[in-house]
Amino acid sequence: MNVRDSGDWRSGTRSLSQRRLQTLAREVATSLPGVSHGRPFVEKLDVYKVGDKLFMIVTDDPDERIITLKADPDHASALRDHFQTVTFGRYLDKGHWISVGAGRGITPQLITELVNTSYQLVVESMPVHDRPIQAKDRTNHLKKRTQAMTQQSRKAQELADHYVDQLSSWAKITTRPLFGAVGLYRHGHVFAMVWHGGLYFKVDDDSRKNYEAAGSHAWAT
């Protein structure tokens, strides 16, 4: 099922439709140094490589419009826990790859970050002399961004620890990094996250009404 979106979808925070998700992923991937793509396996799989190393697959199937990307195992696990349309990577090592489809919270910002991260992980696994020259500079740039994200994550963790303390009388809450945010878990299941100074709860169509009535607003629609 498509998720409707509108406006400046490439830079916005609204959820992407299936078509726009794949369009954006392709645009981000082809803007990166040393990237080529083709269909070496079957016609429906558009494979993106840096050098001879695969970092993204776009599935051109009307019934399954997904992208498959490399991810750090801990981040992959957190993303699968939080986003319903992030699953174990199709076709590849399920521990190190994720497949992403359109759905709530799958925004342009998230897709851009996931594609860049997949590219970075693959480039860093290559011998230095095999890396595209521009990619070396880009990797340094991405490392600086990662350091900035680490500072952001540290602040999010401090706030998450505060909420864990506040909720201690309700249940034993644990936390886990969640791609620049911090997920809050009860009985191993994520129910909320701290992101950019806010606390966001996982809701369904029924509970959403109660949160909205209490003055809460949606993170992504």
Protein backbone atom coordinates (compact mmCIF):
# COMPACT_ATOMS: atom_id res chain seq x y z
CA MET A 1 0.00 0.00 0.00
CA ASN A 2 1.35 3.39 -0.94
CA VAL A 3 1.83 6.10 1.66
CA ARG A 4 0.69 9.48 0.40
CA ASP A 5 3.17 12.32 0.42
CA SER A 6 3.36 15.84 -0.94
CA GLY A 7 5.37 19.06 -0.94
CA ASP A 8 9.16 19.19 -0.99
CA TRP A 9 9.44 15.44 -0.59
CA ARG A 10 13.24 15.20 -1.12
CA SER A 11 14.05 17.23 1.97
CA GLY A 12 10.87 16.92 4.00
CA THR A 13 9.91 14.83 6.97
CA ARG A 14 6.76 13.30 5.47
CA SER A 15 6.70 9.61 4.69
CA LEU A 16 7.56 8.65 1.12
CA SER A 17 5.46 6.73 -1.36
CA GLN A 18 6.96 3.59 -2.89
CA ARG A 19 7.73 5.36 -6.16
CA ARG A 20 9.39 8.36 -4.54
CA LEU A 21 11.34 6.22 -2.10
CA GLN A 22 13.03 4.40 -4.97
CA THR A 23 13.49 7.59 -7.01
CA LEU A 24 15.24 9.32 -4.10
CA ALA A 25 17.42 6.29 -3.34
CA ARG A 26 18.57 6.21 -6.96
CA GLU A 27 19.32 9.94 -6.98
CA VAL A 28 21.36 9.75 -3.79
CA ALA A 29 23.27 6.66 -4.96
CA THR A 30 24.17 8.03 -8.39
CA SER A 31 25.43 11.29 -6.83
CA LEU A 32 28.13 9.37 -4.93
CA PRO A 33 31.69 8.97 -6.31
CA GLY A 34 32.58 5.88 -8.31
CA VAL A 35 29.05 4.47 -8.49
CA SER A 36 27.75 2.36 -11.35
CA HIS A 37 24.59 0.33 -11.71
CA GLY A 38 23.07 -2.33 -13.91
CA ARG A 39 21.00 -5.52 -13.91
CA PRO A 40 23.49 -8.41 -13.75
CA PHE A 41 21.14 -10.87 -12.06
CA VAL A 42 17.56 -10.44 -13.22
CA GLU A 43 15.77 -7.56 -14.94
CA LYS A 44 13.81 -6.48 -11.87
CA LEU A 45 16.93 -5.95 -9.70
CA ASP A 46 18.78 -2.67 -10.31
CA VAL A 47 22.16 -3.23 -8.62
CA TYR A 48 24.33 -0.29 -7.45
CA LYS A 49 28.06 -0.74 -6.87
CA VAL A 50 31.05 1.34 -5.82
CA GLY A 51 33.98 -0.19 -7.67
CA ASP A 52 32.99 -3.84 -7.83
CA LYS A 53 31.30 -3.85 -4.41
CA LEU A 54 27.51 -3.87 -4.13
CA PHE A 55 25.92 -1.36 -1.74
CA MET A 56 22.28 -1.09 -2.88
CA ILE A 57 19.66 -3.09 -4.76
CA VAL A 58 16.47 -1.46 -6.02
CA THR A 59 13.71 -4.01 -6.62
CA ASP A 60 11.62 -2.94 -9.61
CA ASP A 61 8.63 -5.15 -8.88
CA PRO A 62 5.15 -3.53 -8.76
CA ASP A 63 4.23 -5.88 -5.91
CA GLU A 64 7.42 -5.28 -3.91
CA ARG A 65 9.01 -1.86 -4.41
CA ILE A 66 11.84 -2.00 -1.90
CA ILE A 67 15.49 -1.05 -1.63
CA THR A 68 18.12 -3.23 0.04
CA LEU A 69 21.09 -1.65 1.82
CA LYS A 70 24.07 -2.55 3.99
CA ALA A 71 23.77 -1.55 7.66
CA ASP A 72 25.61 -1.99 10.93
CA PRO A 73 24.00 -5.03 12.66
CA ASP A 74 23.00 -3.08 15.79
CA HIS A 75 21.48 -0.26 13.75
CA ALA A 76 19.77 -2.80 11.48
CA SER A 77 18.17 -4.47 14.49
CA ALA A 78 17.01 -1.13 15.93
CA LEU A 79 15.58 -0.03 12.59
CA ARG A 80 13.66 -3.31 12.19
CA ASP A 81 12.28 -2.90 15.70
CA HIS A 82 11.09 0.65 15.11
CA PHE A 83 9.92 0.70 11.48
CA GLN A 84 7.34 -1.82 10.32
CA THR A 85 8.57 -1.67 6.70
CA VAL A 86 12.26 -2.25 7.50
CA THR A 87 12.98 -5.97 7.32
CA PHE A 88 15.89 -8.37 7.09
CA GLY A 89 17.77 -7.82 3.84
CA ARG A 90 16.30 -9.66 0.91
CA TYR A 91 18.79 -11.65 -1.19
CA LEU A 92 21.84 -10.97 1.06
CA ASP A 93 23.33 -11.61 4.54
CA LYS A 94 20.38 -10.87 6.79
CA GLY A 95 22.53 -9.70 9.69
CA HIS A 96 24.27 -6.93 7.74
CA TRP A 97 21.62 -5.91 5.22
CA ILE A 98 18.13 -4.43 5.46
CA SER A 99 15.30 -4.03 2.99
CA VAL A 100 13.22 -0.86 3.21
CA GLY A 101 9.75 -0.24 1.84
CA ALA A 102 7.38 2.72 2.04
CA GLY A 103 5.67 3.16 5.39
CA ARG A 104 5.15 5.39 8.39
CA GLY A 105 8.36 7.19 9.35
CA ILE A 106 10.23 6.30 6.14
CA THR A 107 11.18 9.87 5.25
CA PRO A 108 13.54 11.45 2.71
CA GLN A 109 15.96 12.23 5.54
CA LEU A 110 16.04 8.60 6.65
CA ILE A 111 16.46 7.18 3.11
CA THR A 112 19.25 9.66 2.31
CA GLU A 113 21.07 8.71 5.51
CA LEU A 114 20.64 4.96 4.93
CA VAL A 115 21.94 5.11 1.35
CA ASN A 116 24.95 7.23 2.38
CA THR A 117 25.70 4.92 5.30
CA SER A 118 25.52 1.81 3.13
CA TYR A 119 27.93 3.40 0.66
CA GLN A 120 30.28 4.45 3.46
CA LEU A 121 30.31 0.97 5.03
CA VAL A 122 31.20 -0.63 1.70
CA VAL A 123 33.88 1.97 0.83
CA GLU A 124 35.53 1.50 4.23
CA SER A 125 35.71 -2.26 3.61
CA MET A 126 37.69 -1.70 0.39
CA PRO A 127 41.50 -1.46 0.22
CA VAL A 128 42.46 2.23 0.26
CA HIS A 129 44.02 2.06 -3.21
CA ASP A 130 40.75 0.68 -4.64
CA ARG A 131 38.55 3.45 -3.29
CA PRO A 132 37.38 6.24 -5.62
CA ILE A 133 39.54 9.31 -5.00
CA GLN A 134 36.51 11.49 -4.26
CA ALA A 135 35.17 8.81 -1.92
CA LYS A 136 38.19 9.22 0.37
CA ASP A 137 37.29 12.88 0.92
CA ARG A 138 33.63 11.96 1.26
CA THR A 139 34.43 9.30 3.84
CA ASN A 140 36.27 11.91 5.92
CA HIS A 141 33.27 14.21 5.58
CA LEU A 142 30.90 11.44 6.63
CA LYS A 143 33.11 10.62 9.61
CA LYS A 144 32.79 14.23 10.75
CA ARG A 145 29.05 13.96 10.36
CA THR A 146 29.12 10.72 12.34
CA GLN A 147 31.01 12.48 15.13
CA ALA A 148 28.34 15.18 15.18
CA MET A 149 25.67 12.49 15.29
CA THR A 150 27.54 10.86 18.19
CA GLN A 151 27.28 14.11 20.17
CA GLN A 152 23.59 14.26 19.33
CA SER A 153 23.18 10.63 20.37
CA ARG A 154 24.94 11.31 23.68
CA LYS A 155 22.45 14.06 24.49
CA ALA A 156 19.59 11.77 23.45
CA GLN A 157 20.94 9.02 25.71
CA GLU A 158 21.08 11.40 28.68
CA LEU A 159 17.45 12.38 28.10
CA ALA A 160 16.47 8.72 27.60
CA ASP A 161 18.10 7.82 30.92
CA HIS A 162 15.96 10.50 32.55
CA TYR A 163 12.79 8.96 31.08
CA VAL A 164 13.90 5.47 32.14
CA ASP A 165 14.19 6.77 35.69
CA GLN A 166 10.76 8.43 35.49
CA LEU A 167 9.20 5.19 34.21
CA SER A 168 10.97 2.88 36.66
CA SER A 169 7.88 2.46 38.82
CA TRP A 170 5.91 1.28 35.76
CA ALA A 171 8.32 -1.27 34.30
CA LYS A 172 11.96 -2.12 33.70
CA ILE A 173 12.92 -0.07 30.65
CA THR A 174 16.06 -0.58 28.59
CA THR A 175 17.53 1.61 25.84
CA ARG A 176 19.31 1.02 22.55
CA PRO A 177 20.84 3.39 19.96
CA LEU A 178 18.49 3.96 17.06
CA PHE A 179 20.25 5.75 14.20
CA GLY A 180 20.94 9.05 15.91
CA ALA A 181 18.07 8.55 18.33
CA VAL A 182 17.63 6.26 21.34
CA GLY A 183 14.93 3.60 21.47
CA LEU A 184 13.09 2.76 24.71
CA TYR A 185 12.26 -0.92 25.15
CA ARG A 186 9.95 -2.87 27.43
CA HIS A 187 10.15 -6.68 27.41
CA GLY A 188 12.46 -6.42 24.38
CA HIS A 189 10.00 -4.40 22.28
CA VAL A 190 10.52 -0.76 21.32
CA PHE A 191 7.64 1.47 22.39
CA ALA A 192 9.18 4.96 22.19
CA MET A 193 12.25 6.88 21.12
CA VAL A 194 14.09 10.03 22.09
CA TRP A 195 15.00 12.14 19.07
CA HIS A 196 16.05 15.80 18.77
CA GLY A 197 15.01 16.53 22.33
CA GLY A 198 11.54 15.00 22.02
CA LEU A 199 9.94 11.78 23.25
CA TYR A 200 8.02 9.91 20.55
CA PHE A 201 5.74 6.96 21.28
CA LYS A 202 4.88 4.10 18.97
CA VAL A 203 1.11 4.16 18.43
CA ASP A 204 -1.62 2.45 16.45
CA ASP A 205 -4.76 3.91 14.92
CA ASP A 206 -6.69 3.55 18.18
CA SER A 207 -4.11 4.88 20.65
CA ARG A 208 -3.14 7.73 18.30
CA LYS A 209 -6.42 9.49 19.08
CA ASN A 210 -5.63 9.50 22.81
CA TYR A 211 -2.18 11.03 22.25
CA GLU A 212 -3.56 13.67 19.90
CA ALA A 213 -6.31 14.52 22.42
CA ALA A 214 -3.57 15.07 25.03
CA GLY A 215 -1.83 17.55 22.73
CA SER A 216 0.82 15.31 21.16
CA HIS A 217 1.78 15.70 17.51
CA ALA A 218 2.97 13.17 14.94
CA TRP A 219 6.68 12.75 14.17
CA ALA A 220 5.94 11.71 10.57
CA THR A 221 2.68 11.18 8.72
